[in-house]
């Protein structure tokens, strides 16, 4: 006998149905770029990230295309570097989603509360790798807070900003 999980108390049941009805099957990096703008700089004082997402779906899958772009500046405001990353997440639909109406609003809630959690480790690793390869101190993204669509804090070699 197979048991179906029940949503915890006080949970968005429509969103719960989506979570139960999809499987993450692939995450692909489709763009990875960085550029050092100030060759003399060796510090990062400000990190200005923008994380956007678009989605498309067909009868069997849903793809989320995440675009991450950031400008890194020195403590004095001089632009030091730019970072760019695009990832595509692919989810397959299971039988559990057969009777779920996937409205744009429901997909947006799924993106903000569920899908972002599996994408942030890729973004965090890319930011850290790109900054180090540019000869800058490693920038580490903070945790994603409940209700946020991306990390709100970062650290540079242990200094939280």
Protein backbone atom coordinates (compact mmCIF):
# COMPACT_ATOMS: atom_id res chain seq x y z
CA UNK A 1 0.00 0.00 0.00
CA UNK A 2 1.31 3.45 -0.95
CA UNK A 3 0.74 6.39 1.36
CA UNK A 4 0.36 9.91 0.08
CA UNK A 5 1.95 12.61 2.17
CA UNK A 6 -0.41 15.13 3.67
CA UNK A 7 0.43 18.80 3.86
CA UNK A 8 1.49 20.09 7.26
CA UNK A 9 -1.07 22.22 9.09
CA UNK A 10 -1.52 25.78 7.79
CA UNK A 11 0.13 25.08 4.44
CA UNK A 12 -0.82 26.47 1.03
CA UNK A 13 -2.56 23.34 -0.27
CA UNK A 14 -2.40 24.42 -3.94
CA UNK A 15 1.35 24.89 -3.64
CA UNK A 16 1.65 21.59 -1.76
CA UNK A 17 -0.07 19.85 -4.70
CA UNK A 18 2.49 21.32 -7.10
CA UNK A 19 5.41 20.30 -4.88
CA UNK A 20 4.04 16.77 -4.68
CA UNK A 21 3.45 16.68 -8.46
CA UNK A 22 6.87 17.61 -9.84
CA UNK A 23 10.33 16.05 -9.83
CA UNK A 24 13.51 18.05 -10.42
CA UNK A 25 15.28 16.24 -13.26
CA UNK A 26 17.97 18.65 -14.46
CA UNK A 27 19.84 21.86 -13.68
CA UNK A 28 22.01 23.22 -16.47
CA UNK A 29 24.37 26.16 -16.64
CA UNK A 30 23.75 27.92 -19.96
CA UNK A 31 25.69 31.14 -19.29
CA UNK A 32 28.69 31.76 -17.03
CA UNK A 33 30.68 34.95 -17.41
CA UNK A 34 32.65 37.45 -15.40
CA UNK A 35 34.70 40.52 -16.20
CA UNK A 36 37.24 42.37 -14.12
CA UNK A 37 36.73 46.10 -14.67
CA UNK A 38 39.36 47.49 -12.28
CA UNK A 39 42.64 45.58 -12.60
CA UNK A 40 44.20 47.33 -9.60
CA UNK A 41 41.37 46.51 -7.18
CA UNK A 42 41.68 43.66 -4.72
CA UNK A 43 38.61 44.26 -2.57
CA UNK A 44 34.84 44.10 -2.74
CA UNK A 45 32.79 46.52 -0.67
CA UNK A 46 29.41 46.26 -2.35
CA UNK A 47 27.65 43.41 -4.08
CA UNK A 48 24.55 44.29 -6.08
CA UNK A 49 22.80 41.08 -7.27
CA UNK A 50 19.74 40.78 -9.51
CA UNK A 51 18.04 37.38 -9.79
CA UNK A 52 15.24 37.01 -12.34
CA UNK A 53 13.31 33.94 -13.44
CA UNK A 54 11.11 33.04 -16.39
CA UNK A 55 9.20 29.84 -16.92
CA UNK A 56 7.74 27.79 -19.70
CA UNK A 57 5.93 24.49 -19.70
CA UNK A 58 4.54 21.81 -21.92
CA UNK A 59 2.47 18.71 -21.13
CA UNK A 60 5.35 16.83 -19.50
CA UNK A 61 7.81 19.39 -18.13
CA UNK A 62 8.28 22.86 -16.72
CA UNK A 63 11.52 24.81 -17.22
CA UNK A 64 12.62 27.70 -15.06
CA UNK A 65 15.30 29.96 -16.54
CA UNK A 66 17.16 31.82 -13.79
CA UNK A 67 19.31 34.82 -14.74
CA UNK A 68 21.73 36.14 -12.14
CA UNK A 69 23.71 39.31 -12.76
CA UNK A 70 25.74 41.38 -10.36
CA UNK A 71 28.09 44.30 -10.20
CA UNK A 72 30.77 44.26 -7.52
CA UNK A 73 32.06 47.62 -6.32
CA UNK A 74 34.83 48.76 -4.02
CA UNK A 75 34.11 50.43 -0.68
CA UNK A 76 34.39 53.80 -2.47
CA UNK A 77 31.79 52.83 -5.09
CA UNK A 78 34.20 52.14 -7.98
CA UNK A 79 32.90 49.26 -10.14
CA UNK A 80 35.31 46.36 -9.77
CA UNK A 81 33.71 43.47 -11.69
CA UNK A 82 30.56 42.08 -13.25
CA UNK A 83 29.26 38.54 -12.87
CA UNK A 84 26.64 36.74 -14.94
CA UNK A 85 25.04 33.31 -14.70
CA UNK A 86 22.02 31.68 -16.29
CA UNK A 87 20.68 28.31 -15.15
CA UNK A 88 17.80 26.25 -16.47
CA UNK A 89 15.93 24.01 -14.05
CA UNK A 90 13.75 21.28 -15.54
CA UNK A 91 10.93 19.63 -13.62
CA UNK A 92 8.96 16.61 -14.84
CA UNK A 93 5.29 16.30 -13.98
CA UNK A 94 4.13 13.20 -12.14
CA UNK A 95 0.64 11.71 -11.98
CA UNK A 96 0.06 13.67 -8.77
CA UNK A 97 -0.22 16.93 -10.74
CA UNK A 98 -2.83 15.69 -13.23
CA UNK A 99 -5.70 17.65 -11.65
CA UNK A 100 -3.75 20.77 -10.63
CA UNK A 101 -4.41 24.02 -12.51
CA UNK A 102 -0.93 25.53 -12.96
CA UNK A 103 -1.79 29.22 -13.10
CA UNK A 104 0.95 31.82 -13.50
CA UNK A 105 0.36 32.93 -9.90
CA UNK A 106 0.73 29.36 -8.58
CA UNK A 107 3.94 28.86 -10.54
CA UNK A 108 5.28 32.15 -9.11
CA UNK A 109 4.57 30.90 -5.58
CA UNK A 110 6.33 27.61 -6.41
CA UNK A 111 9.34 29.55 -7.72
CA UNK A 112 9.57 31.84 -4.68
CA UNK A 113 9.01 29.22 -1.99
CA UNK A 114 10.41 25.99 -3.42
CA UNK A 115 12.41 26.15 -6.66
CA UNK A 116 14.77 28.90 -5.46
CA UNK A 117 16.06 26.63 -2.71
CA UNK A 118 17.62 24.19 -5.18
CA UNK A 119 19.12 26.90 -7.41
CA UNK A 120 20.89 29.05 -4.80
CA UNK A 121 23.73 26.57 -4.10
CA UNK A 122 24.67 26.76 -7.81
CA UNK A 123 24.58 30.57 -7.73
CA UNK A 124 26.58 30.65 -4.48
CA UNK A 125 29.29 28.38 -5.92
CA UNK A 126 29.46 30.35 -9.18
CA UNK A 127 29.83 33.70 -7.38
CA UNK A 128 32.58 32.34 -5.15
CA UNK A 129 34.45 30.70 -8.04
CA UNK A 130 34.17 33.70 -10.37
CA UNK A 131 35.36 36.21 -7.77
CA UNK A 132 38.38 34.07 -6.87
CA UNK A 133 39.27 33.50 -10.53
CA UNK A 134 39.17 37.27 -11.08
CA UNK A 135 41.77 37.63 -8.31
CA UNK A 136 39.30 39.14 -5.86
CA UNK A 137 38.51 37.90 -2.36
CA UNK A 138 35.95 35.09 -2.34
CA UNK A 139 32.38 36.41 -2.09
CA UNK A 140 30.00 34.02 -0.32
CA UNK A 141 26.24 34.48 -0.58
CA UNK A 142 24.20 34.16 2.59
CA UNK A 143 21.17 31.99 3.20
CA UNK A 144 17.83 32.51 1.52
CA UNK A 145 15.41 33.81 4.13
CA UNK A 146 11.77 32.72 4.25
CA UNK A 147 9.72 34.72 1.78
CA UNK A 148 12.77 36.05 -0.12
CA UNK A 149 13.71 35.06 -3.66
CA UNK A 150 17.45 35.17 -3.08
CA UNK A 151 20.15 35.78 -0.49
CA UNK A 152 20.03 39.21 1.11
CA UNK A 153 23.51 39.20 2.66
CA UNK A 154 27.01 38.21 1.57
CA UNK A 155 30.43 37.91 3.10
CA UNK A 156 33.91 38.59 1.79
CA UNK A 157 36.37 36.20 3.39
CA UNK A 158 34.38 36.04 6.59
CA UNK A 159 33.23 39.68 6.79
CA UNK A 160 29.45 39.80 6.63
CA UNK A 161 27.93 42.67 4.62
